[in-house]
Amino acid sequence: MTELFLSQVLKFDETILPKVKIRFHVWENSIDYTKSYYLSDKEQVNNWNIFYNPEGKNYFRVGEIVVNFIKIGYDKWLLTTVKEVTKKLDVNSGKSYEGTELREFSPYFDRLIIKFKPGISTVRYFERSADKIEVTELLAEPFTDDAFPGYDNIRLSYLQLESIFRLEKRDWLTALSNQKAVYLITDTKTGKLYVGSATSNNGMLLSRWADYTKNGHGGNKELRALIKENSFDYVKENFQYAVLENYNAKVDDHFVLSRESWWKEALQTRKFGYNDN
């Protein structure tokens, strides 16, 4: 199979090629966080990645073109935008640039995936690197990161959970709609836990978790109090969702509730966590 390289797909006029740079970025040194953050607010991520410069480094200059990639795998990167820097702001930190998107490249946004290991440098000149960067995929639809990993491997941040419903990720919606479960919510800031259950009585796992994306507490007393004291943003920044046990629709609700109680005792979430019953 013939290899295809970035320079063969994204074509720039030779007169501007020296001004084109590639930007690689991963947030919090976490691929999962990077993907969920991007899918939750693409415009914010694209602007931050290029135009915000809290370290005060001169990554870009007016007139340069930035080809922006985010990390979605070990050596996999997704093209999200191509922008021209039109103005440098006279500030010491925060937003340092302004620019405009080059829409002629928009058919590749959220679809073009490359294989590359950028190393220490997160900004590279296009003409020096693009001939070595392999293009591995051109997705038929914009990237949504919707591959369902199996019930035993569910571990989602709030942003990831919210994106499942907002982007209508079919694999996930189908899987969650068919299952009863005992689930665990972890406050990653304090370590406090909440054990809950999803049964036919409350709409299965899909409906139960949808409630959390809407208000953060799903009607639970202790979680409601936490949000009242700290705001919904606290949940968005700190909560993680996982499945302890999952069951098909034929399993009796009373059995699921008994397993929920068992986990509350095992993890002592009534005494040290957010469960109050």
C-alpha atoms as a PDB file:
ATOM      1  CA  MET A   1       0.000   0.000   0.000  1.00  0.00           C
ATOM      2  CA  THR A   2       1.360   3.403  -1.020  1.00  0.00           C
ATOM      3  CA  GLU A   3       1.988   5.798   1.836  1.00  0.00           C
ATOM      4  CA  LEU A   4       0.324   9.208   1.749  1.00  0.00           C
ATOM      5  CA  PHE A   5       1.975  12.174   3.439  1.00  0.00           C
ATOM      6  CA  LEU A   6       0.603  15.438   4.789  1.00  0.00           C
ATOM      7  CA  SER A   7       2.390  17.532   2.154  1.00  0.00           C
ATOM      8  CA  GLN A   8       0.443  15.658  -0.528  1.00  0.00           C
ATOM      9  CA  VAL A   9      -2.936  16.446   1.027  1.00  0.00           C
ATOM     10  CA  LEU A  10      -2.571  19.985   2.381  1.00  0.00           C
ATOM     11  CA  LYS A  11      -1.084  21.984  -0.472  1.00  0.00           C
ATOM     12  CA  PHE A  12       0.220  25.507   0.055  1.00  0.00           C
ATOM     13  CA  ASP A  13       1.601  27.918  -2.520  1.00  0.00           C
ATOM     14  CA  GLU A  14       5.404  27.921  -2.513  1.00  0.00           C
ATOM     15  CA  THR A  15       5.470  31.643  -1.735  1.00  0.00           C
ATOM     16  CA  ILE A  16       3.724  31.144   1.621  1.00  0.00           C
ATOM     17  CA  LEU A  17       5.077  27.682   2.488  1.00  0.00           C
ATOM     18  CA  PRO A  18       7.887  29.112   4.697  1.00  0.00           C
ATOM     19  CA  LYS A  19       5.206  30.778   6.851  1.00  0.00           C
ATOM     20  CA  VAL A  20       3.213  27.609   7.508  1.00  0.00           C
ATOM     21  CA  LYS A  21       3.631  25.916  10.908  1.00  0.00           C
ATOM     22  CA  ILE A  22       2.181  22.772  12.463  1.00  0.00           C
ATOM     23  CA  ARG A  23       0.920  22.925  16.047  1.00  0.00           C
ATOM     24  CA  PHE A  24       0.580  19.740  18.132  1.00  0.00           C
ATOM     25  CA  HIS A  25      -1.185  19.775  21.468  1.00  0.00           C
ATOM     26  CA  VAL A  26      -2.409  17.511  24.264  1.00  0.00           C
ATOM     27  CA  TRP A  27      -4.090  18.851  27.418  1.00  0.00           C
ATOM     28  CA  GLU A  28      -3.282  17.729  30.939  1.00  0.00           C
ATOM     29  CA  ASN A  29      -0.946  15.134  29.376  1.00  0.00           C
ATOM     30  CA  SER A  30      -4.096  13.053  28.838  1.00  0.00           C
ATOM     31  CA  ILE A  31      -5.426  11.809  25.511  1.00  0.00           C
ATOM     32  CA  ASP A  32      -8.910  11.149  26.945  1.00  0.00           C
ATOM     33  CA  TYR A  33      -9.124  14.631  28.436  1.00  0.00           C
ATOM     34  CA  THR A  34      -7.892  16.186  25.189  1.00  0.00           C
ATOM     35  CA  LYS A  35     -10.572  14.441  23.140  1.00  0.00           C
ATOM     36  CA  SER A  36     -13.415  15.156  25.555  1.00  0.00           C
ATOM     37  CA  TYR A  37     -12.368  18.806  25.989  1.00  0.00           C
ATOM     38  CA  TYR A  38     -12.230  19.301  22.229  1.00  0.00           C
ATOM     39  CA  LEU A  39     -15.594  17.646  21.584  1.00  0.00           C
ATOM     40  CA  SER A  40     -17.203  19.745  24.323  1.00  0.00           C
ATOM     41  CA  ASP A  41     -16.086  23.099  22.860  1.00  0.00           C
ATOM     42  CA  LYS A  42     -14.269  23.011  19.515  1.00  0.00           C
ATOM     43  CA  GLU A  43     -14.120  26.777  19.036  1.00  0.00           C
ATOM     44  CA  GLN A  44     -12.586  27.339  22.465  1.00  0.00           C
ATOM     45  CA  VAL A  45      -9.955  24.650  21.904  1.00  0.00           C
ATOM     46  CA  ASN A  46      -9.006  25.868  18.447  1.00  0.00           C
ATOM     47  CA  ASN A  47      -8.631  29.443  19.688  1.00  0.00           C
ATOM     48  CA  TRP A  48      -6.728  28.457  22.814  1.00  0.00           C
ATOM     49  CA  ASN A  49      -4.350  26.166  20.976  1.00  0.00           C
ATOM     50  CA  ILE A  50      -3.243  28.892  18.592  1.00  0.00           C
ATOM     51  CA  PHE A  51      -4.040  32.279  20.068  1.00  0.00           C
ATOM     52  CA  TYR A  52      -3.454  31.906  23.796  1.00  0.00           C
ATOM     53  CA  ASN A  53       0.110  32.112  24.997  1.00  0.00           C
ATOM     54  CA  PRO A  54       0.341  32.124  28.820  1.00  0.00           C
ATOM     55  CA  GLU A  55       4.071  31.313  28.774  1.00  0.00           C
ATOM     56  CA  GLY A  56       4.856  34.411  26.719  1.00  0.00           C
ATOM     57  CA  LYS A  57       6.653  32.404  24.021  1.00  0.00           C
ATOM     58  CA  ASN A  58       6.655  33.694  20.461  1.00  0.00           C
ATOM     59  CA  TYR A  59       5.249  30.603  18.778  1.00  0.00           C
ATOM     60  CA  PHE A  60       3.747  32.539  15.862  1.00  0.00           C
ATOM     61  CA  ARG A  61       4.000  35.824  13.976  1.00  0.00           C
ATOM     62  CA  VAL A  62       1.484  37.877  12.045  1.00  0.00           C
ATOM     63  CA  GLY A  63       1.063  36.426   8.582  1.00  0.00           C
ATOM     64  CA  GLU A  64       1.951  32.873   9.567  1.00  0.00           C
ATOM     65  CA  ILE A  65      -0.464  30.009   8.990  1.00  0.00           C
ATOM     66  CA  VAL A  66      -1.051  27.445  11.728  1.00  0.00           C
ATOM     67  CA  VAL A  67      -2.097  23.849  10.960  1.00  0.00           C
ATOM     68  CA  ASN A  68      -3.592  22.642  14.232  1.00  0.00           C
ATOM     69  CA  PHE A  69      -3.630  19.022  15.486  1.00  0.00           C
ATOM     70  CA  ILE A  70      -4.895  17.505  18.740  1.00  0.00           C
ATOM     71  CA  LYS A  71      -3.790  14.131  20.094  1.00  0.00           C
ATOM     72  CA  ILE A  72      -6.384  11.330  19.864  1.00  0.00           C
ATOM     73  CA  GLY A  73      -4.124   8.276  20.270  1.00  0.00           C
ATOM     74  CA  TYR A  74      -0.573   7.180  21.095  1.00  0.00           C
ATOM     75  CA  ASP A  75       0.766   8.502  17.794  1.00  0.00           C
ATOM     76  CA  LYS A  76      -2.525   9.631  16.211  1.00  0.00           C
ATOM     77  CA  TRP A  77      -3.431  13.286  15.675  1.00  0.00           C
ATOM     78  CA  LEU A  78      -6.611  14.912  14.360  1.00  0.00           C
ATOM     79  CA  LEU A  79      -6.599  18.043  12.182  1.00  0.00           C
ATOM     80  CA  THR A  80      -9.025  20.549  13.732  1.00  0.00           C
ATOM     81  CA  THR A  81      -8.374  23.828  11.908  1.00  0.00           C
ATOM     82  CA  VAL A  82      -6.021  25.877   9.752  1.00  0.00           C
ATOM     83  CA  LYS A  83      -5.766  29.551  10.669  1.00  0.00           C
ATOM     84  CA  GLU A  84      -3.803  32.595   9.591  1.00  0.00           C
ATOM     85  CA  VAL A  85      -2.474  34.841  12.362  1.00  0.00           C
ATOM     86  CA  THR A  86      -3.706  38.341  11.563  1.00  0.00           C
ATOM     87  CA  LYS A  87      -2.812  40.307  14.687  1.00  0.00           C
ATOM     88  CA  LYS A  88      -0.490  40.115  17.698  1.00  0.00           C
ATOM     89  CA  LEU A  89      -1.980  41.592  20.836  1.00  0.00           C
ATOM     90  CA  ASP A  90       0.051  43.749  23.167  1.00  0.00           C
ATOM     91  CA  VAL A  91      -0.369  41.609  26.284  1.00  0.00           C
ATOM     92  CA  ASN A  92       2.054  39.673  28.475  1.00  0.00           C
ATOM     93  CA  SER A  93      -0.106  36.603  29.012  1.00  0.00           C
ATOM     94  CA  GLY A  94      -3.394  35.062  28.028  1.00  0.00           C
ATOM     95  CA  LYS A  95      -4.701  35.761  24.536  1.00  0.00           C
ATOM     96  CA  SER A  96      -1.761  36.912  22.428  1.00  0.00           C
ATOM     97  CA  TYR A  97      -3.033  36.610  18.845  1.00  0.00           C
ATOM     98  CA  GLU A  98      -6.039  36.943  16.604  1.00  0.00           C
ATOM     99  CA  GLY A  99      -6.633  35.201  13.292  1.00  0.00           C
ATOM    100  CA  THR A 100      -8.963  33.877  10.655  1.00  0.00           C
ATOM    101  CA  GLU A 101      -9.742  30.328   9.547  1.00  0.00           C
ATOM    102  CA  LEU A 102      -8.750  29.264   6.027  1.00  0.00           C
ATOM    103  CA  ARG A 103     -11.986  27.656   4.877  1.00  0.00           C
ATOM    104  CA  GLU A 104     -10.488  26.093   1.750  1.00  0.00           C
ATOM    105  CA  PHE A 105      -9.102  23.410   4.061  1.00  0.00           C
ATOM    106  CA  SER A 106     -12.381  22.869   5.971  1.00  0.00           C
ATOM    107  CA  PRO A 107     -13.235  19.550   4.209  1.00  0.00           C
ATOM    108  CA  TYR A 108     -10.341  18.061   6.191  1.00  0.00           C
ATOM    109  CA  PHE A 109     -11.258  19.512   9.600  1.00  0.00           C
ATOM    110  CA  ASP A 110     -12.200  16.806  12.148  1.00  0.00           C
ATOM    111  CA  ARG A 111     -11.620  14.153   9.468  1.00  0.00           C
ATOM    112  CA  LEU A 112      -7.904  14.054   8.619  1.00  0.00           C
ATOM    113  CA  ILE A 113      -5.829  11.828  10.925  1.00  0.00           C
ATOM    114  CA  ILE A 114      -2.050  11.558  10.856  1.00  0.00           C
ATOM    115  CA  LYS A 115       0.490   9.239  12.441  1.00  0.00           C
ATOM    116  CA  PHE A 116       3.420  11.093  13.984  1.00  0.00           C
ATOM    117  CA  LYS A 117       5.563  11.461  17.102  1.00  0.00           C
ATOM    118  CA  PRO A 118       6.386  15.158  17.385  1.00  0.00           C
ATOM    119  CA  GLY A 119       8.801  14.743  20.316  1.00  0.00           C
ATOM    120  CA  ILE A 120       9.606  17.695  22.545  1.00  0.00           C
ATOM    121  CA  SER A 121       8.797  20.417  20.021  1.00  0.00           C
ATOM    122  CA  THR A 122       5.076  21.120  19.738  1.00  0.00           C
ATOM    123  CA  VAL A 123       5.469  23.601  16.870  1.00  0.00           C
ATOM    124  CA  ARG A 124       7.180  22.649  13.604  1.00  0.00           C
ATOM    125  CA  TYR A 125       7.630  24.224  10.200  1.00  0.00           C
ATOM    126  CA  PHE A 126       5.378  22.567   7.641  1.00  0.00           C
ATOM    127  CA  GLU A 127       7.947  22.446   4.854  1.00  0.00           C
ATOM    128  CA  ARG A 128      10.475  20.657   7.081  1.00  0.00           C
ATOM    129  CA  SER A 129       8.107  18.054   8.510  1.00  0.00           C
ATOM    130  CA  ALA A 130       5.086  17.479   6.261  1.00  0.00           C
ATOM    131  CA  ASP A 131       6.963  15.116   3.935  1.00  0.00           C
ATOM    132  CA  LYS A 132       7.578  12.796   6.904  1.00  0.00           C
ATOM    133  CA  ILE A 133       4.079  12.918   8.433  1.00  0.00           C
ATOM    134  CA  GLU A 134       1.935  10.017   7.261  1.00  0.00           C
ATOM    135  CA  VAL A 135      -1.793  10.496   6.653  1.00  0.00           C
ATOM    136  CA  THR A 136      -3.528   7.350   7.903  1.00  0.00           C
ATOM    137  CA  GLU A 137      -7.240   8.162   7.678  1.00  0.00           C
ATOM    138  CA  LEU A 138      -9.768  10.518   6.158  1.00  0.00           C
ATOM    139  CA  LEU A 139     -12.970   9.891   8.097  1.00  0.00           C
ATOM    140  CA  ALA A 140     -16.280   9.775   6.249  1.00  0.00           C
ATOM    141  CA  GLU A 141     -17.900  11.769   9.074  1.00  0.00           C
ATOM    142  CA  PRO A 142     -16.445  14.278  11.557  1.00  0.00           C
ATOM    143  CA  PHE A 143     -14.621  12.695  14.497  1.00  0.00           C
ATOM    144  CA  THR A 144     -16.816  11.894  17.523  1.00  0.00           C
ATOM    145  CA  ASP A 145     -14.721   9.291  19.384  1.00  0.00           C
ATOM    146  CA  ASP A 146     -17.790   7.071  19.636  1.00  0.00           C
ATOM    147  CA  ALA A 147     -16.295   3.598  19.910  1.00  0.00           C
ATOM    148  CA  PHE A 148     -17.951   1.872  22.875  1.00  0.00           C
ATOM    149  CA  PRO A 149     -15.205   0.094  24.921  1.00  0.00           C
ATOM    150  CA  GLY A 150     -17.421  -2.453  26.701  1.00  0.00           C
ATOM    151  CA  TYR A 151     -19.164  -2.114  30.065  1.00  0.00           C
ATOM    152  CA  ASP A 152     -16.120  -3.278  32.035  1.00  0.00           C
ATOM    153  CA  ASN A 153     -14.054  -0.425  30.595  1.00  0.00           C
ATOM    154  CA  ILE A 154     -16.380   2.524  31.152  1.00  0.00           C
ATOM    155  CA  ARG A 155     -14.646   5.383  32.940  1.00  0.00           C
ATOM    156  CA  LEU A 156     -15.889   8.799  31.853  1.00  0.00           C
ATOM    157  CA  SER A 157     -15.282  12.371  32.875  1.00  0.00           C
ATOM    158  CA  TYR A 158     -18.314  14.667  32.903  1.00  0.00           C
ATOM    159  CA  LEU A 159     -17.206  16.171  29.590  1.00  0.00           C
ATOM    160  CA  GLN A 160     -16.990  12.729  28.021  1.00  0.00           C
ATOM    161  CA  LEU A 161     -20.395  11.710  29.373  1.00  0.00           C
ATOM    162  CA  GLU A 162     -22.022  14.942  28.230  1.00  0.00           C
ATOM    163  CA  SER A 163     -20.573  14.578  24.725  1.00  0.00           C
ATOM    164  CA  ILE A 164     -22.195  11.147  24.337  1.00  0.00           C
ATOM    165  CA  PHE A 165     -25.639  12.728  24.541  1.00  0.00           C
ATOM    166  CA  ARG A 166     -24.868  16.016  22.799  1.00  0.00           C
ATOM    167  CA  LEU A 167     -23.167  14.342  19.825  1.00  0.00           C
ATOM    168  CA  GLU A 168     -25.634  11.420  19.865  1.00  0.00           C
ATOM    169  CA  LYS A 169     -22.928   8.752  19.759  1.00  0.00           C
ATOM    170  CA  ARG A 170     -24.898   5.781  18.515  1.00  0.00           C
ATOM    171  CA  ASP A 171     -22.688   2.990  19.887  1.00  0.00           C
ATOM    172  CA  TRP A 172     -22.866   4.450  23.376  1.00  0.00           C
ATOM    173  CA  LEU A 173     -26.575   5.321  23.309  1.00  0.00           C
ATOM    174  CA  THR A 174     -27.499   1.826  22.180  1.00  0.00           C
ATOM    175  CA  ALA A 175     -25.302   0.165  24.807  1.00  0.00           C
ATOM    176  CA  LEU A 176     -26.537   2.327  27.689  1.00  0.00           C
ATOM    177  CA  SER A 177     -30.208   2.029  26.724  1.00  0.00           C
ATOM    178  CA  ASN A 178     -30.177  -1.773  27.034  1.00  0.00           C
ATOM    179  CA  GLN A 179     -28.627  -2.111  30.478  1.00  0.00           C
ATOM    180  CA  LYS A 180     -29.489  -2.031  34.131  1.00  0.00           C
ATOM    181  CA  ALA A 181     -26.478  -1.332  36.323  1.00  0.00           C
ATOM    182  CA  VAL A 182     -24.869  -0.413  39.601  1.00  0.00           C
ATOM    183  CA  TYR A 183     -22.616   2.558  38.905  1.00  0.00           C
ATOM    184  CA  LEU A 184     -20.022   4.628  40.719  1.00  0.00           C
ATOM    185  CA  ILE A 185     -19.511   8.391  40.694  1.00  0.00           C
ATOM    186  CA  THR A 186     -16.116   9.561  41.958  1.00  0.00           C
ATOM    187  CA  ASP A 187     -15.284  13.074  43.084  1.00  0.00           C
ATOM    188  CA  THR A 188     -11.686  13.130  41.845  1.00  0.00           C
ATOM    189  CA  LYS A 189     -10.879  16.205  43.918  1.00  0.00           C
ATOM    190  CA  THR A 190     -11.874  14.811  47.323  1.00  0.00           C
ATOM    191  CA  GLY A 191     -12.018  11.075  46.659  1.00  0.00           C
ATOM    192  CA  LYS A 192     -15.611  10.858  47.903  1.00  0.00           C
ATOM    193  CA  LEU A 193     -17.828   8.274  46.192  1.00  0.00           C
ATOM    194  CA  TYR A 194     -21.463   7.865  45.264  1.00  0.00           C
ATOM    195  CA  VAL A 195     -23.031   4.504  44.385  1.00  0.00           C
ATOM    196  CA  GLY A 196     -26.215   4.513  42.320  1.00  0.00           C
ATOM    197  CA  SER A 197     -28.357   2.109  40.337  1.00  0.00           C
ATOM    198  CA  ALA A 198     -30.159   2.128  37.020  1.00  0.00           C
ATOM    199  CA  THR A 199     -33.266  -0.042  36.699  1.00  0.00           C
ATOM    200  CA  SER A 200     -36.328  -0.254  34.479  1.00  0.00           C
ATOM    201  CA  ASN A 201     -38.086   1.940  37.019  1.00  0.00           C
ATOM    202  CA  ASN A 202     -35.770   4.892  36.321  1.00  0.00           C
ATOM    203  CA  GLY A 203     -35.199   4.389  32.602  1.00  0.00           C
ATOM    204  CA  MET A 204     -32.135   2.120  32.526  1.00  0.00           C
ATOM    205  CA  LEU A 205     -28.544   3.410  32.483  1.00  0.00           C
ATOM    206  CA  LEU A 206     -29.114   5.716  29.521  1.00  0.00           C
ATOM    207  CA  SER A 207     -31.845   7.735  31.206  1.00  0.00           C
ATOM    208  CA  ARG A 208     -30.137   7.739  34.597  1.00  0.00           C
ATOM    209  CA  TRP A 209     -26.875   9.125  33.272  1.00  0.00           C
ATOM    210  CA  ALA A 210     -28.648  11.606  31.011  1.00  0.00           C
ATOM    211  CA  ASP A 211     -30.060  13.174  34.181  1.00  0.00           C
ATOM    212  CA  TYR A 212     -26.552  13.804  35.497  1.00  0.00           C
ATOM    213  CA  THR A 213     -25.533  15.643  32.338  1.00  0.00           C
ATOM    214  CA  LYS A 214     -28.514  17.980  32.703  1.00  0.00           C
ATOM    215  CA  ASN A 215     -28.102  19.024  36.340  1.00  0.00           C
ATOM    216  CA  GLY A 216     -25.148  17.149  37.854  1.00  0.00           C
ATOM    217  CA  HIS A 217     -27.076  15.619  40.738  1.00  0.00           C
ATOM    218  CA  GLY A 218     -29.781  13.429  39.162  1.00  0.00           C
ATOM    219  CA  GLY A 219     -32.081  14.283  42.047  1.00  0.00           C
ATOM    220  CA  ASN A 220     -29.753  12.940  44.771  1.00  0.00           C
ATOM    221  CA  LYS A 221     -29.841  14.872  48.039  1.00  0.00           C
ATOM    222  CA  GLU A 222     -26.113  15.011  48.842  1.00  0.00           C
ATOM    223  CA  LEU A 223     -25.087  15.780  45.271  1.00  0.00           C
ATOM    224  CA  ARG A 224     -27.725  18.497  45.080  1.00  0.00           C
ATOM    225  CA  ALA A 225     -26.281  20.078  48.239  1.00  0.00           C
ATOM    226  CA  LEU A 226     -22.754  19.852  46.831  1.00  0.00           C
ATOM    227  CA  ILE A 227     -23.784  21.684  43.671  1.00  0.00           C
ATOM    228  CA  LYS A 228     -25.685  24.306  45.627  1.00  0.00           C
ATOM    229  CA  GLU A 229     -22.517  25.027  47.617  1.00  0.00           C
ATOM    230  CA  ASN A 230     -19.956  24.765  44.798  1.00  0.00           C
ATOM    231  CA  SER A 231     -21.938  25.235  41.523  1.00  0.00           C
ATOM    232  CA  PHE A 232     -22.518  22.874  38.612  1.00  0.00           C
ATOM    233  CA  ASP A 233     -19.004  23.665  37.317  1.00  0.00           C
ATOM    234  CA  TYR A 234     -17.574  21.677  40.223  1.00  0.00           C
ATOM    235  CA  VAL A 235     -19.214  18.528  38.842  1.00  0.00           C
ATOM    236  CA  LYS A 236     -18.067  19.304  35.306  1.00  0.00           C
ATOM    237  CA  GLU A 237     -14.469  19.646  36.447  1.00  0.00           C
ATOM    238  CA  ASN A 238     -14.208  16.832  39.010  1.00  0.00           C
ATOM    239  CA  PHE A 239     -16.726  14.020  38.535  1.00  0.00           C
ATOM    240  CA  GLN A 240     -15.985  10.642  36.973  1.00  0.00           C
ATOM    241  CA  TYR A 241     -18.519   7.930  36.063  1.00  0.00           C
ATOM    242  CA  ALA A 242     -17.951   4.157  35.953  1.00  0.00           C
ATOM    243  CA  VAL A 243     -19.976   0.920  35.947  1.00  0.00           C
ATOM    244  CA  LEU A 244     -19.494  -1.502  38.855  1.00  0.00           C
ATOM    245  CA  GLU A 245     -21.914  -4.177  37.612  1.00  0.00           C
ATOM    246  CA  ASN A 246     -24.178  -4.308  34.557  1.00  0.00           C
ATOM    247  CA  TYR A 247     -27.203  -6.499  33.823  1.00  0.00           C
ATOM    248  CA  ASN A 248     -29.519  -7.086  30.889  1.00  0.00           C
ATOM    249  CA  ALA A 249     -33.128  -5.933  30.920  1.00  0.00           C
ATOM    250  CA  LYS A 250     -34.453  -9.302  32.153  1.00  0.00           C
ATOM    251  CA  VAL A 251     -32.718  -9.101  35.539  1.00  0.00           C
ATOM    252  CA  ASP A 252     -35.138  -8.233  38.338  1.00  0.00           C
ATOM    253  CA  ASP A 253     -34.947  -4.639  39.626  1.00  0.00           C
ATOM    254  CA  HIS A 254     -34.932  -5.824  43.236  1.00  0.00           C
ATOM    255  CA  PHE A 255     -31.752  -7.789  42.623  1.00  0.00           C
ATOM    256  CA  VAL A 256     -30.064  -4.709  41.123  1.00  0.00           C
ATOM    257  CA  LEU A 257     -31.121  -2.650  44.154  1.00  0.00           C
ATOM    258  CA  SER A 258     -29.732  -5.284  46.516  1.00  0.00           C
ATOM    259  CA  ARG A 259     -26.388  -5.125  44.704  1.00  0.00           C
ATOM    260  CA  GLU A 260     -26.441  -1.335  44.968  1.00  0.00           C
ATOM    261  CA  SER A 261     -26.853  -1.649  48.734  1.00  0.00           C
ATOM    262  CA  TRP A 262     -24.025  -4.198  48.888  1.00  0.00           C
ATOM    263  CA  TRP A 263     -21.645  -1.810  47.136  1.00  0.00           C
ATOM    264  CA  LYS A 264     -22.661   1.048  49.422  1.00  0.00           C
ATOM    265  CA  GLU A 265     -21.644  -1.078  52.385  1.00  0.00           C
ATOM    266  CA  ALA A 266     -18.481  -2.361  50.729  1.00  0.00           C
ATOM    267  CA  LEU A 267     -17.291   1.147  49.831  1.00  0.00           C
ATOM    268  CA  GLN A 268     -18.778   2.802  52.938  1.00  0.00           C
ATOM    269  CA  THR A 269     -20.324   5.524  50.816  1.00  0.00           C
ATOM    270  CA  ARG A 270     -23.045   6.274  53.362  1.00  0.00           C
ATOM    271  CA  LYS A 271     -20.431   7.102  55.994  1.00  0.00           C
ATOM    272  CA  PHE A 272     -17.635   8.616  53.903  1.00  0.00           C
ATOM    273  CA  GLY A 273     -19.267   9.421  50.561  1.00  0.00           C
ATOM    274  CA  TYR A 274     -22.293  11.108  49.043  1.00  0.00           C
ATOM    275  CA  ASN A 275     -24.962   8.441  49.706  1.00  0.00           C
ATOM    276  CA  ASP A 276     -27.506   9.322  52.394  1.00  0.00           C
ATOM    277  CA  ASN A 277     -29.611   6.132  52.309  1.00  0.00           C
END
